C-alpha cells in the first residue's frame, strides 16, 4: 500500500515539478535580456501564463490551462526569436518538456486515482504495467522529438541527405509518427499473443 501511495503522490507532483522547471528556465532566459524594456513585458507574459495555469488548476478549466501554456510558450518564442536568438537544441528541449508537462498531467489524471484507490494485487499489476508502457512511450517520443530534428539537420549539413526540402521533412515526420504509432500498437499486439 505504501508503494501505491508514493506512486500516486509522484504522479500528482510530476506535472507541477515540470512546469516549475519550465518557468524557472524561462525567467532565467528573460532576465538575461540586457534591455529591461524588452524583458519586463515578457516577464508579464510569463506571469500571466502562470496565473492562468493556477486558475485553470483551481477551477478545472482546461481552456484556461491551455492558454496559460500558450503564454509560456509564446514568451519563450518571443524572447528567443526577437532578442536572444534561437539555439536549436535548447529550443527543442524546451518545447519537448512543455509537451511532456501536458502528457504528465494526463497520466496523473488517469493513473493517480487508480493508485489512490485500493486495487487488488492483480489489478495493481495491470495498472503498473499500463503506466510503465505509457511512460516508455512518452520517453521514446520525447527523445525522438529532440534527436530526429538534430539528426536531420546534421545529415542535411553533411550532404548525406541531398534533398533538404519539404519531401525530406515530410518523410522524417512520417518516420517519427510511425515509430510512435508502433509504440502505441505494441501493447495490444502483446496481449493478443499472450
N, C-alpha and C. Protein backbone atom coordinates (compact mmCIF):
# COMPACT_ATOMS: atom_id res chain seq x y z
N UNK A 1 0.81 -1.21 0.00
CA UNK A 1 0.00 0.00 0.00
C UNK A 1 0.85 1.26 0.00
N UNK A 2 1.97 1.24 0.71
CA UNK A 2 2.82 2.43 0.79
C UNK A 2 3.40 2.76 -0.58
N UNK A 3 3.76 1.74 -1.35
CA UNK A 3 4.30 1.99 -2.69
C UNK A 3 3.25 2.64 -3.59
N UNK A 4 2.01 2.20 -3.49
CA UNK A 4 0.94 2.79 -4.29
C UNK A 4 0.75 4.26 -3.94
N UNK A 5 0.84 4.57 -2.67
CA UNK A 5 0.68 5.96 -2.24
C UNK A 5 1.82 6.83 -2.76
N UNK A 6 3.04 6.30 -2.73
CA UNK A 6 4.20 7.06 -3.24
C UNK A 6 4.05 7.29 -4.74
N UNK A 7 3.60 6.28 -5.47
CA UNK A 7 3.40 6.42 -6.92
C UNK A 7 2.34 7.47 -7.20
N UNK A 8 1.24 7.45 -6.45
CA UNK A 8 0.17 8.43 -6.65
C UNK A 8 0.67 9.85 -6.37
N UNK A 9 1.45 10.02 -5.30
CA UNK A 9 1.99 11.34 -4.97
C UNK A 9 2.95 11.80 -6.05
N UNK A 10 3.80 10.89 -6.52
CA UNK A 10 4.75 11.23 -7.58
C UNK A 10 4.03 11.61 -8.86
N UNK A 11 2.99 10.86 -9.21
CA UNK A 11 2.22 11.19 -10.41
C UNK A 11 1.57 12.57 -10.30
N UNK A 12 1.05 12.89 -9.13
CA UNK A 12 0.40 14.19 -8.94
C UNK A 12 1.42 15.33 -8.95
N UNK A 13 2.65 15.07 -8.46
CA UNK A 13 3.66 16.13 -8.35
C UNK A 13 4.44 16.35 -9.65
N UNK A 14 4.52 15.35 -10.52
CA UNK A 14 5.36 15.44 -11.72
C UNK A 14 4.97 16.60 -12.64
N UNK A 15 3.69 16.83 -12.95
CA UNK A 15 3.37 17.97 -13.82
C UNK A 15 3.76 19.32 -13.21
N UNK A 16 3.55 19.48 -11.91
CA UNK A 16 3.91 20.75 -11.26
C UNK A 16 5.42 20.95 -11.25
N UNK A 17 6.17 19.88 -11.00
CA UNK A 17 7.63 19.99 -10.99
C UNK A 17 8.15 20.34 -12.38
N UNK A 18 7.57 19.73 -13.40
CA UNK A 18 7.99 20.02 -14.78
C UNK A 18 7.65 21.45 -15.15
N UNK A 19 6.47 21.90 -14.76
CA UNK A 19 6.08 23.28 -15.04
C UNK A 19 6.98 24.27 -14.31
N UNK A 20 7.33 23.96 -13.08
CA UNK A 20 8.24 24.82 -12.32
C UNK A 20 9.59 24.92 -13.03
N UNK A 21 10.09 23.80 -13.51
CA UNK A 21 11.35 23.79 -14.26
C UNK A 21 11.26 24.71 -15.48
N UNK A 22 10.16 24.59 -16.23
CA UNK A 22 9.99 25.42 -17.42
C UNK A 22 9.93 26.91 -17.08
N UNK A 23 9.17 27.25 -16.06
CA UNK A 23 9.01 28.66 -15.69
C UNK A 23 10.33 29.24 -15.19
N UNK A 24 11.06 28.49 -14.38
CA UNK A 24 12.36 28.98 -13.90
C UNK A 24 13.32 29.15 -15.08
N UNK A 25 13.34 28.18 -15.98
CA UNK A 25 14.19 28.25 -17.18
C UNK A 25 13.86 29.52 -17.97
N UNK A 26 12.56 29.75 -18.18
CA UNK A 26 12.13 30.91 -18.96
C UNK A 26 12.46 32.22 -18.25
N UNK A 27 12.26 32.27 -16.95
CA UNK A 27 12.57 33.50 -16.22
C UNK A 27 14.07 33.80 -16.28
N UNK A 28 14.90 32.78 -16.15
CA UNK A 28 16.35 32.99 -16.26
C UNK A 28 16.70 33.51 -17.65
N UNK A 29 16.09 32.94 -18.68
CA UNK A 29 16.34 33.42 -20.05
C UNK A 29 15.89 34.87 -20.21
N UNK A 30 14.71 35.19 -19.71
CA UNK A 30 14.18 36.56 -19.87
C UNK A 30 15.01 37.55 -19.07
N UNK A 31 15.46 37.16 -17.89
CA UNK A 31 16.28 38.07 -17.10
C UNK A 31 17.66 38.30 -17.71
N UNK A 32 18.07 37.43 -18.63
CA UNK A 32 19.36 37.63 -19.29
C UNK A 32 19.27 38.64 -20.44
N UNK A 33 18.07 39.11 -20.73
CA UNK A 33 17.91 40.14 -21.76
C UNK A 33 18.46 41.45 -21.21
N UNK A 34 19.42 42.06 -21.90
CA UNK A 34 20.06 43.26 -21.34
C UNK A 34 19.15 44.49 -21.28
N UNK A 35 18.19 44.59 -22.17
CA UNK A 35 17.32 45.76 -22.22
C UNK A 35 16.04 45.48 -21.42
N UNK A 36 15.83 46.15 -20.27
CA UNK A 36 14.64 45.87 -19.47
C UNK A 36 13.33 46.21 -20.18
N UNK A 37 13.37 47.12 -21.15
CA UNK A 37 12.14 47.45 -21.88
C UNK A 37 11.64 46.26 -22.68
N UNK A 38 12.53 45.37 -23.04
CA UNK A 38 12.12 44.16 -23.75
C UNK A 38 11.86 43.00 -22.79
N UNK A 39 12.54 42.99 -21.66
CA UNK A 39 12.42 41.88 -20.72
C UNK A 39 11.17 41.92 -19.87
N UNK A 40 10.80 43.10 -19.38
CA UNK A 40 9.67 43.19 -18.47
C UNK A 40 8.33 42.78 -19.10
N UNK A 41 8.04 43.17 -20.34
CA UNK A 41 6.79 42.66 -20.93
C UNK A 41 6.77 41.14 -21.05
N UNK A 42 7.92 40.55 -21.32
CA UNK A 42 7.98 39.09 -21.39
C UNK A 42 7.78 38.46 -20.01
N UNK A 43 8.33 39.09 -18.97
CA UNK A 43 8.07 38.61 -17.61
C UNK A 43 6.58 38.70 -17.29
N UNK A 44 5.94 39.77 -17.77
CA UNK A 44 4.50 39.90 -17.59
C UNK A 44 3.73 38.79 -18.28
N UNK A 45 4.20 38.41 -19.48
CA UNK A 45 3.56 37.31 -20.21
C UNK A 45 3.74 35.99 -19.47
N UNK A 46 4.93 35.78 -18.91
CA UNK A 46 5.18 34.57 -18.12
C UNK A 46 4.28 34.56 -16.88
N UNK A 47 4.19 35.70 -16.20
CA UNK A 47 3.34 35.79 -15.01
C UNK A 47 1.88 35.55 -15.36
N UNK A 48 1.44 36.08 -16.50
CA UNK A 48 0.06 35.84 -16.93
C UNK A 48 -0.16 34.35 -17.22
N UNK A 49 0.82 33.71 -17.84
CA UNK A 49 0.71 32.28 -18.11
C UNK A 49 0.62 31.46 -16.84
N UNK A 50 1.45 31.79 -15.86
CA UNK A 50 1.42 31.07 -14.58
C UNK A 50 0.09 31.32 -13.88
N UNK A 51 -0.40 32.56 -13.90
CA UNK A 51 -1.68 32.88 -13.27
C UNK A 51 -2.82 32.10 -13.93
N UNK A 52 -2.81 32.03 -15.25
CA UNK A 52 -3.85 31.27 -15.95
C UNK A 52 -3.76 29.78 -15.62
N UNK A 53 -2.55 29.25 -15.51
CA UNK A 53 -2.40 27.84 -15.14
C UNK A 53 -2.93 27.58 -13.74
N UNK A 54 -2.65 28.48 -12.81
CA UNK A 54 -3.15 28.31 -11.45
C UNK A 54 -4.67 28.41 -11.40
N UNK A 55 -5.23 29.37 -12.13
CA UNK A 55 -6.69 29.49 -12.20
C UNK A 55 -7.31 28.25 -12.82
N UNK A 56 -6.70 27.77 -13.90
CA UNK A 56 -7.21 26.58 -14.56
C UNK A 56 -7.15 25.35 -13.67
N UNK A 57 -6.11 25.25 -12.86
CA UNK A 57 -6.00 24.11 -11.95
C UNK A 57 -7.02 24.20 -10.82
N UNK A 58 -7.26 25.41 -10.31
CA UNK A 58 -8.21 25.56 -9.21
C UNK A 58 -9.66 25.37 -9.65
N UNK A 59 -9.98 25.81 -10.85
CA UNK A 59 -11.37 25.75 -11.31
C UNK A 59 -11.60 24.66 -12.35
N UNK A 60 -10.61 23.78 -12.55
CA UNK A 60 -10.71 22.68 -13.51
C UNK A 60 -11.14 23.16 -14.89
N UNK A 61 -10.54 24.26 -15.33
CA UNK A 61 -10.85 24.84 -16.64
C UNK A 61 -9.72 24.49 -17.60
N UNK A 62 -9.99 23.56 -18.49
CA UNK A 62 -8.97 23.09 -19.42
C UNK A 62 -8.51 24.19 -20.37
N UNK A 63 -9.44 25.00 -20.86
CA UNK A 63 -9.06 26.04 -21.82
C UNK A 63 -8.17 27.10 -21.16
N UNK A 64 -8.40 27.37 -19.89
CA UNK A 64 -7.56 28.34 -19.18
C UNK A 64 -6.14 27.81 -19.03
N UNK A 65 -6.02 26.52 -18.69
CA UNK A 65 -4.68 25.91 -18.59
C UNK A 65 -3.99 25.93 -19.94
N UNK A 66 -4.73 25.63 -20.99
CA UNK A 66 -4.15 25.63 -22.33
C UNK A 66 -3.63 27.02 -22.69
N UNK A 67 -4.42 28.04 -22.40
CA UNK A 67 -4.00 29.40 -22.71
C UNK A 67 -2.78 29.80 -21.87
N UNK A 68 -2.70 29.33 -20.64
CA UNK A 68 -1.53 29.59 -19.81
C UNK A 68 -0.27 28.97 -20.40
N UNK A 69 -0.37 27.73 -20.89
CA UNK A 69 0.78 27.09 -21.53
C UNK A 69 1.16 27.81 -22.82
N UNK A 70 0.16 28.29 -23.55
CA UNK A 70 0.44 29.05 -24.78
C UNK A 70 1.19 30.34 -24.43
N UNK A 71 0.81 31.00 -23.34
CA UNK A 71 1.51 32.22 -22.91
C UNK A 71 2.97 31.92 -22.58
N UNK A 72 3.22 30.82 -21.89
CA UNK A 72 4.59 30.46 -21.54
C UNK A 72 5.39 30.12 -22.79
N UNK A 73 4.80 29.34 -23.69
CA UNK A 73 5.49 29.02 -24.94
C UNK A 73 5.73 30.26 -25.79
N UNK A 74 4.75 31.16 -25.83
CA UNK A 74 4.91 32.39 -26.61
C UNK A 74 6.01 33.28 -26.02
N UNK A 75 6.09 33.34 -24.71
CA UNK A 75 7.15 34.15 -24.08
C UNK A 75 8.52 33.59 -24.44
N UNK A 76 8.66 32.27 -24.44
CA UNK A 76 9.94 31.66 -24.82
C UNK A 76 10.25 31.97 -26.29
N UNK A 77 9.26 31.79 -27.13
CA UNK A 77 9.45 32.02 -28.57
C UNK A 77 9.81 33.48 -28.85
N UNK A 78 9.09 34.40 -28.25
CA UNK A 78 9.37 35.83 -28.48
C UNK A 78 10.75 36.19 -27.94
N UNK A 79 11.07 35.71 -26.75
CA UNK A 79 12.38 36.04 -26.16
C UNK A 79 13.52 35.57 -27.05
N UNK A 80 13.37 34.38 -27.60
CA UNK A 80 14.48 33.83 -28.39
C UNK A 80 14.43 34.26 -29.85
N UNK A 81 13.27 34.40 -30.41
CA UNK A 81 13.18 34.79 -31.82
C UNK A 81 13.50 36.27 -32.03
N UNK A 82 13.15 37.11 -31.06
CA UNK A 82 13.31 38.54 -31.23
C UNK A 82 14.60 39.07 -30.60
N UNK A 83 14.94 38.57 -29.41
CA UNK A 83 16.04 39.19 -28.66
C UNK A 83 17.26 38.29 -28.54
N UNK A 84 17.10 37.10 -28.01
CA UNK A 84 18.25 36.27 -27.65
C UNK A 84 18.80 35.42 -28.79
N UNK A 85 18.02 35.18 -29.79
CA UNK A 85 18.45 34.28 -30.85
C UNK A 85 18.07 32.85 -30.51
N UNK A 86 17.83 32.07 -31.55
CA UNK A 86 17.37 30.70 -31.35
C UNK A 86 18.55 29.75 -31.41
N UNK A 87 18.71 28.96 -30.36
CA UNK A 87 19.67 27.88 -30.33
C UNK A 87 18.85 26.59 -30.43
N UNK A 88 19.15 25.76 -31.42
CA UNK A 88 18.28 24.64 -31.78
C UNK A 88 18.05 23.66 -30.64
N UNK A 89 19.10 23.18 -30.02
CA UNK A 89 18.94 22.13 -29.01
C UNK A 89 18.13 22.61 -27.80
N UNK A 90 18.47 23.75 -27.18
CA UNK A 90 17.63 24.20 -26.06
C UNK A 90 16.18 24.47 -26.47
N UNK A 91 15.98 24.99 -27.67
CA UNK A 91 14.60 25.25 -28.12
C UNK A 91 13.82 23.94 -28.25
N UNK A 92 14.44 22.92 -28.84
CA UNK A 92 13.77 21.63 -28.97
C UNK A 92 13.49 21.02 -27.60
N UNK A 93 14.45 21.13 -26.70
CA UNK A 93 14.25 20.57 -25.36
C UNK A 93 13.14 21.32 -24.63
N UNK A 94 13.10 22.65 -24.74
CA UNK A 94 12.06 23.42 -24.07
C UNK A 94 10.67 23.02 -24.58
N UNK A 95 10.52 22.97 -25.89
CA UNK A 95 9.22 22.60 -26.46
C UNK A 95 8.85 21.17 -26.08
N UNK A 96 9.83 20.27 -26.10
CA UNK A 96 9.56 18.88 -25.72
C UNK A 96 9.14 18.78 -24.26
N UNK A 97 9.81 19.51 -23.38
CA UNK A 97 9.43 19.48 -21.96
C UNK A 97 8.06 20.11 -21.76
N UNK A 98 7.72 21.12 -22.55
CA UNK A 98 6.38 21.71 -22.47
C UNK A 98 5.32 20.67 -22.85
N UNK A 99 5.57 19.91 -23.89
CA UNK A 99 4.65 18.85 -24.30
C UNK A 99 4.62 17.73 -23.25
N UNK A 100 5.78 17.39 -22.71
CA UNK A 100 5.85 16.36 -21.67
C UNK A 100 5.03 16.77 -20.46
N UNK A 101 5.05 18.05 -20.12
CA UNK A 101 4.28 18.53 -18.98
C UNK A 101 2.80 18.24 -19.17
N UNK A 102 2.31 18.48 -20.36
CA UNK A 102 0.89 18.20 -20.65
C UNK A 102 0.62 16.70 -20.55
N UNK A 103 1.51 15.89 -21.11
CA UNK A 103 1.32 14.43 -21.06
C UNK A 103 1.42 13.90 -19.63
N UNK A 104 2.31 14.47 -18.82
CA UNK A 104 2.39 14.06 -17.42
C UNK A 104 1.11 14.39 -16.67
N UNK A 105 0.51 15.53 -17.00
CA UNK A 105 -0.77 15.88 -16.37
C UNK A 105 -1.85 14.87 -16.75
N UNK A 106 -1.85 14.46 -18.01
CA UNK A 106 -2.82 13.46 -18.46
C UNK A 106 -2.58 12.13 -17.73
N UNK A 107 -1.32 11.72 -17.63
CA UNK A 107 -1.01 10.48 -16.90
C UNK A 107 -1.43 10.58 -15.44
N UNK A 108 -1.20 11.74 -14.83
CA UNK A 108 -1.58 11.92 -13.43
C UNK A 108 -3.09 11.83 -13.26
N UNK A 109 -3.83 12.46 -14.17
CA UNK A 109 -5.29 12.41 -14.08
C UNK A 109 -5.83 11.01 -14.31
N UNK A 110 -5.13 10.24 -15.13
CA UNK A 110 -5.59 8.90 -15.47
C UNK A 110 -5.18 7.86 -14.43
N UNK A 111 -3.93 7.91 -13.96
CA UNK A 111 -3.42 6.82 -13.13
C UNK A 111 -3.41 7.11 -11.63
N UNK A 112 -3.28 8.35 -11.20
CA UNK A 112 -3.22 8.64 -9.77
C UNK A 112 -4.47 8.17 -9.02
N UNK A 113 -5.69 8.39 -9.56
CA UNK A 113 -6.86 7.88 -8.84
C UNK A 113 -6.87 6.36 -8.71
N UNK A 114 -6.31 5.67 -9.69
CA UNK A 114 -6.25 4.21 -9.61
C UNK A 114 -5.32 3.76 -8.48
N UNK A 115 -4.22 4.47 -8.30
CA UNK A 115 -3.29 4.13 -7.22
C UNK A 115 -3.80 4.58 -5.86
N UNK A 116 -4.61 5.64 -5.83
CA UNK A 116 -5.15 6.12 -4.56
C UNK A 116 -6.25 5.20 -4.04
N UNK A 117 -6.91 4.49 -4.94
CA UNK A 117 -7.91 3.52 -4.53
C UNK A 117 -7.24 2.30 -3.93
N UNK A 118 -8.00 1.26 -3.74
CA UNK A 118 -7.44 0.04 -3.16
C UNK A 118 -7.60 -1.12 -4.15
N UNK A 119 -6.79 -1.10 -5.23
CA UNK A 119 -6.92 -2.20 -6.19
C UNK A 119 -6.30 -3.48 -5.62
N UNK A 120 -6.81 -4.58 -6.08
CA UNK A 120 -6.24 -5.86 -5.68
C UNK A 120 -4.88 -6.07 -6.32
N UNK A 121 -4.18 -7.12 -5.93
CA UNK A 121 -2.83 -7.35 -6.46
C UNK A 121 -2.80 -7.54 -7.97
N UNK A 122 -3.80 -8.24 -8.51
CA UNK A 122 -3.84 -8.46 -9.96
C UNK A 122 -4.11 -7.16 -10.70
N UNK A 123 -5.06 -6.38 -10.20
CA UNK A 123 -5.37 -5.09 -10.83
C UNK A 123 -4.18 -4.14 -10.70
N UNK A 124 -3.52 -4.18 -9.56
CA UNK A 124 -2.36 -3.31 -9.36
C UNK A 124 -1.24 -3.67 -10.34
N UNK A 125 -1.06 -4.94 -10.61
CA UNK A 125 -0.04 -5.37 -11.57
C UNK A 125 -0.37 -4.86 -12.97
N UNK A 126 -1.64 -4.96 -13.36
CA UNK A 126 -2.05 -4.46 -14.68
C UNK A 126 -1.92 -2.94 -14.78
N UNK A 127 -2.29 -2.25 -13.70
CA UNK A 127 -2.17 -0.78 -13.69
C UNK A 127 -0.70 -0.38 -13.81
N UNK A 128 0.16 -1.06 -13.05
CA UNK A 128 1.60 -0.75 -13.10
C UNK A 128 2.16 -1.02 -14.49
N UNK A 129 1.72 -2.10 -15.13
CA UNK A 129 2.19 -2.41 -16.49
C UNK A 129 1.72 -1.35 -17.49
N UNK A 130 0.46 -0.92 -17.36
CA UNK A 130 -0.06 0.11 -18.26
C UNK A 130 0.66 1.44 -18.05
N UNK A 131 0.93 1.79 -16.81
CA UNK A 131 1.67 3.02 -16.53
C UNK A 131 3.10 2.92 -17.08
N UNK A 132 3.72 1.77 -16.93
CA UNK A 132 5.07 1.58 -17.47
C UNK A 132 5.11 1.75 -18.97
N UNK A 133 4.12 1.18 -19.66
CA UNK A 133 4.07 1.33 -21.12
C UNK A 133 3.84 2.79 -21.51
N UNK A 134 2.98 3.48 -20.78
CA UNK A 134 2.71 4.89 -21.09
C UNK A 134 3.97 5.74 -20.87
N UNK A 135 4.69 5.48 -19.80
CA UNK A 135 5.92 6.23 -19.53
C UNK A 135 6.97 5.90 -20.59
N UNK A 136 7.05 4.65 -21.00
CA UNK A 136 8.00 4.27 -22.06
C UNK A 136 7.68 5.00 -23.36
N UNK A 137 6.41 5.03 -23.74
CA UNK A 137 6.02 5.74 -24.97
C UNK A 137 6.35 7.22 -24.86
N UNK A 138 6.07 7.82 -23.72
CA UNK A 138 6.35 9.24 -23.51
C UNK A 138 7.85 9.50 -23.59
N UNK A 139 8.65 8.64 -22.99
CA UNK A 139 10.10 8.81 -23.01
C UNK A 139 10.66 8.69 -24.42
N UNK A 140 10.23 7.67 -25.14
CA UNK A 140 10.72 7.48 -26.52
C UNK A 140 10.30 8.65 -27.40
N UNK A 141 9.05 9.09 -27.28
CA UNK A 141 8.60 10.22 -28.08
C UNK A 141 9.38 11.49 -27.74
N UNK A 142 9.66 11.70 -26.46
CA UNK A 142 10.42 12.90 -26.05
C UNK A 142 11.84 12.87 -26.60
N UNK A 143 12.48 11.72 -26.50
CA UNK A 143 13.85 11.61 -27.01
C UNK A 143 13.86 11.79 -28.53
N UNK A 144 12.92 11.15 -29.21
CA UNK A 144 12.88 11.27 -30.67
C UNK A 144 12.55 12.69 -31.11
N UNK A 145 11.73 13.40 -30.33
CA UNK A 145 11.37 14.76 -30.73
C UNK A 145 12.57 15.71 -30.67
N UNK A 146 13.60 15.34 -29.93
CA UNK A 146 14.82 16.15 -29.90
C UNK A 146 15.86 15.59 -30.85
N UNK A 147 16.03 14.27 -30.86
CA UNK A 147 17.11 13.64 -31.63
C UNK A 147 16.85 13.67 -33.14
N UNK A 148 15.63 13.40 -33.57
CA UNK A 148 15.34 13.32 -35.00
C UNK A 148 15.60 14.65 -35.72
N UNK A 149 15.11 15.79 -35.22
CA UNK A 149 15.43 17.05 -35.92
C UNK A 149 16.93 17.36 -35.94
N UNK A 150 17.63 17.05 -34.85
CA UNK A 150 19.08 17.29 -34.83
C UNK A 150 19.78 16.40 -35.84
N UNK A 151 19.39 15.13 -35.88
CA UNK A 151 19.97 14.19 -36.84
C UNK A 151 19.67 14.63 -38.27
N UNK A 152 18.44 15.06 -38.52
CA UNK A 152 18.08 15.52 -39.86
C UNK A 152 18.91 16.74 -40.26
N UNK A 153 19.10 17.66 -39.33
CA UNK A 153 19.91 18.85 -39.64
C UNK A 153 21.36 18.47 -39.90
N UNK A 154 21.89 17.54 -39.11
CA UNK A 154 23.27 17.10 -39.32
C UNK A 154 23.44 16.40 -40.66
N UNK A 155 22.48 15.55 -41.01
CA UNK A 155 22.56 14.85 -42.29
C UNK A 155 22.45 15.83 -43.45
N UNK A 156 21.60 16.83 -43.31
CA UNK A 156 21.45 17.82 -44.39
C UNK A 156 22.72 18.65 -44.54
N UNK A 157 23.31 19.06 -43.43
CA UNK A 157 24.53 19.87 -43.49
C UNK A 157 25.69 19.06 -44.04
N UNK A 158 25.77 17.79 -43.66
CA UNK A 158 26.86 16.94 -44.13
C UNK A 158 26.70 16.53 -45.58
N UNK A 159 25.53 16.74 -46.14
CA UNK A 159 25.30 16.37 -47.53
C UNK A 159 24.94 14.91 -47.71
N UNK A 160 24.72 14.19 -46.60
CA UNK A 160 24.33 12.78 -46.70
C UNK A 160 22.95 12.66 -47.31
N UNK A 161 22.07 13.57 -46.93
CA UNK A 161 20.72 13.61 -47.49
C UNK A 161 20.67 14.83 -48.40
N UNK A 162 20.85 14.64 -49.72
CA UNK A 162 20.94 15.79 -50.61
C UNK A 162 19.63 16.56 -50.75
N UNK A 163 18.51 15.89 -50.56
CA UNK A 163 17.22 16.56 -50.72
C UNK A 163 16.82 17.14 -49.37
N UNK A 164 17.02 18.42 -49.21
CA UNK A 164 16.67 19.08 -47.94
C UNK A 164 15.47 19.98 -48.15
N UNK A 165 14.42 19.40 -48.65
CA UNK A 165 13.24 20.17 -48.97
C UNK A 165 12.06 19.64 -48.17
N UNK A 166 10.90 20.06 -48.57
CA UNK A 166 9.68 19.65 -47.90
C UNK A 166 9.49 18.12 -47.94
N UNK A 167 9.76 17.41 -49.05
CA UNK A 167 9.60 15.95 -49.01
C UNK A 167 10.46 15.27 -47.95
N UNK A 168 11.67 15.77 -47.72
CA UNK A 168 12.52 15.19 -46.69
C UNK A 168 11.91 15.41 -45.31
N UNK A 169 11.42 16.60 -45.08
CA UNK A 169 10.79 16.90 -43.79
C UNK A 169 9.55 16.04 -43.58
N UNK A 170 8.77 15.85 -44.64
CA UNK A 170 7.57 15.01 -44.54
C UNK A 170 7.96 13.56 -44.27
N UNK A 171 9.01 13.08 -44.93
CA UNK A 171 9.46 11.71 -44.71
C UNK A 171 9.95 11.52 -43.27
N UNK A 172 10.69 12.48 -42.74
CA UNK A 172 11.15 12.38 -41.35
C UNK A 172 9.97 12.41 -40.38
N UNK A 173 9.01 13.29 -40.64
CA UNK A 173 7.83 13.35 -39.77
C UNK A 173 7.04 12.05 -39.84
N UNK A 174 6.92 11.48 -41.04
CA UNK A 174 6.20 10.21 -41.19
C UNK A 174 6.92 9.10 -40.43
N UNK A 175 8.25 9.11 -40.48
CA UNK A 175 9.01 8.11 -39.73
C UNK A 175 8.79 8.24 -38.24
N UNK A 176 8.78 9.46 -37.75
CA UNK A 176 8.54 9.70 -36.33
C UNK A 176 7.14 9.25 -35.93
N UNK A 177 6.15 9.58 -36.75
CA UNK A 177 4.78 9.16 -36.47
C UNK A 177 4.67 7.64 -36.49
N UNK A 178 5.37 6.99 -37.42
CA UNK A 178 5.35 5.52 -37.50
C UNK A 178 5.93 4.90 -36.24
N UNK A 179 7.02 5.45 -35.73
CA UNK A 179 7.62 4.90 -34.52
C UNK A 179 6.69 5.08 -33.33
N UNK A 180 6.10 6.25 -33.18
CA UNK A 180 5.19 6.50 -32.07
C UNK A 180 3.94 5.61 -32.20
N UNK A 181 3.42 5.45 -33.42
CA UNK A 181 2.27 4.57 -33.63
C UNK A 181 2.62 3.13 -33.30
N UNK A 182 3.81 2.71 -33.68
CA UNK A 182 4.25 1.35 -33.36
C UNK A 182 4.32 1.15 -31.85
N UNK A 183 4.84 2.14 -31.14
CA UNK A 183 4.89 2.05 -29.68
C UNK A 183 3.49 1.99 -29.07
N UNK A 184 2.53 2.63 -29.70
CA UNK A 184 1.16 2.59 -29.19
C UNK A 184 0.49 1.25 -29.48
N UNK A 185 0.86 0.60 -30.59
CA UNK A 185 0.21 -0.64 -31.00
C UNK A 185 0.83 -1.86 -30.33
N UNK A 186 2.10 -1.80 -29.97
CA UNK A 186 2.80 -2.95 -29.41
C UNK A 186 2.08 -3.55 -28.20
N UNK A 187 1.57 -2.76 -27.24
CA UNK A 187 0.89 -3.39 -26.11
C UNK A 187 -0.32 -4.23 -26.52
N UNK A 188 -1.09 -3.80 -27.50
CA UNK A 188 -2.24 -4.60 -27.91
C UNK A 188 -1.80 -5.86 -28.63
N UNK A 189 -0.68 -5.79 -29.36
CA UNK A 189 -0.16 -7.00 -30.01
C UNK A 189 0.35 -7.99 -28.98
N UNK A 190 0.96 -7.50 -27.91
CA UNK A 190 1.46 -8.37 -26.85
C UNK A 190 0.30 -9.09 -26.17
N UNK A 191 -0.82 -8.40 -25.96
CA UNK A 191 -1.98 -9.03 -25.31
C UNK A 191 -2.57 -10.12 -26.19
N UNK A 192 -2.55 -9.93 -27.51
CA UNK A 192 -3.12 -10.95 -28.41
C UNK A 192 -2.28 -12.21 -28.43
N UNK A 193 -0.97 -12.06 -28.32
CA UNK A 193 -0.10 -13.24 -28.36
C UNK A 193 -0.05 -13.95 -27.01
N UNK A 194 -0.40 -13.26 -25.94
CA UNK A 194 -0.33 -13.88 -24.60
C UNK A 194 -1.52 -14.75 -24.33
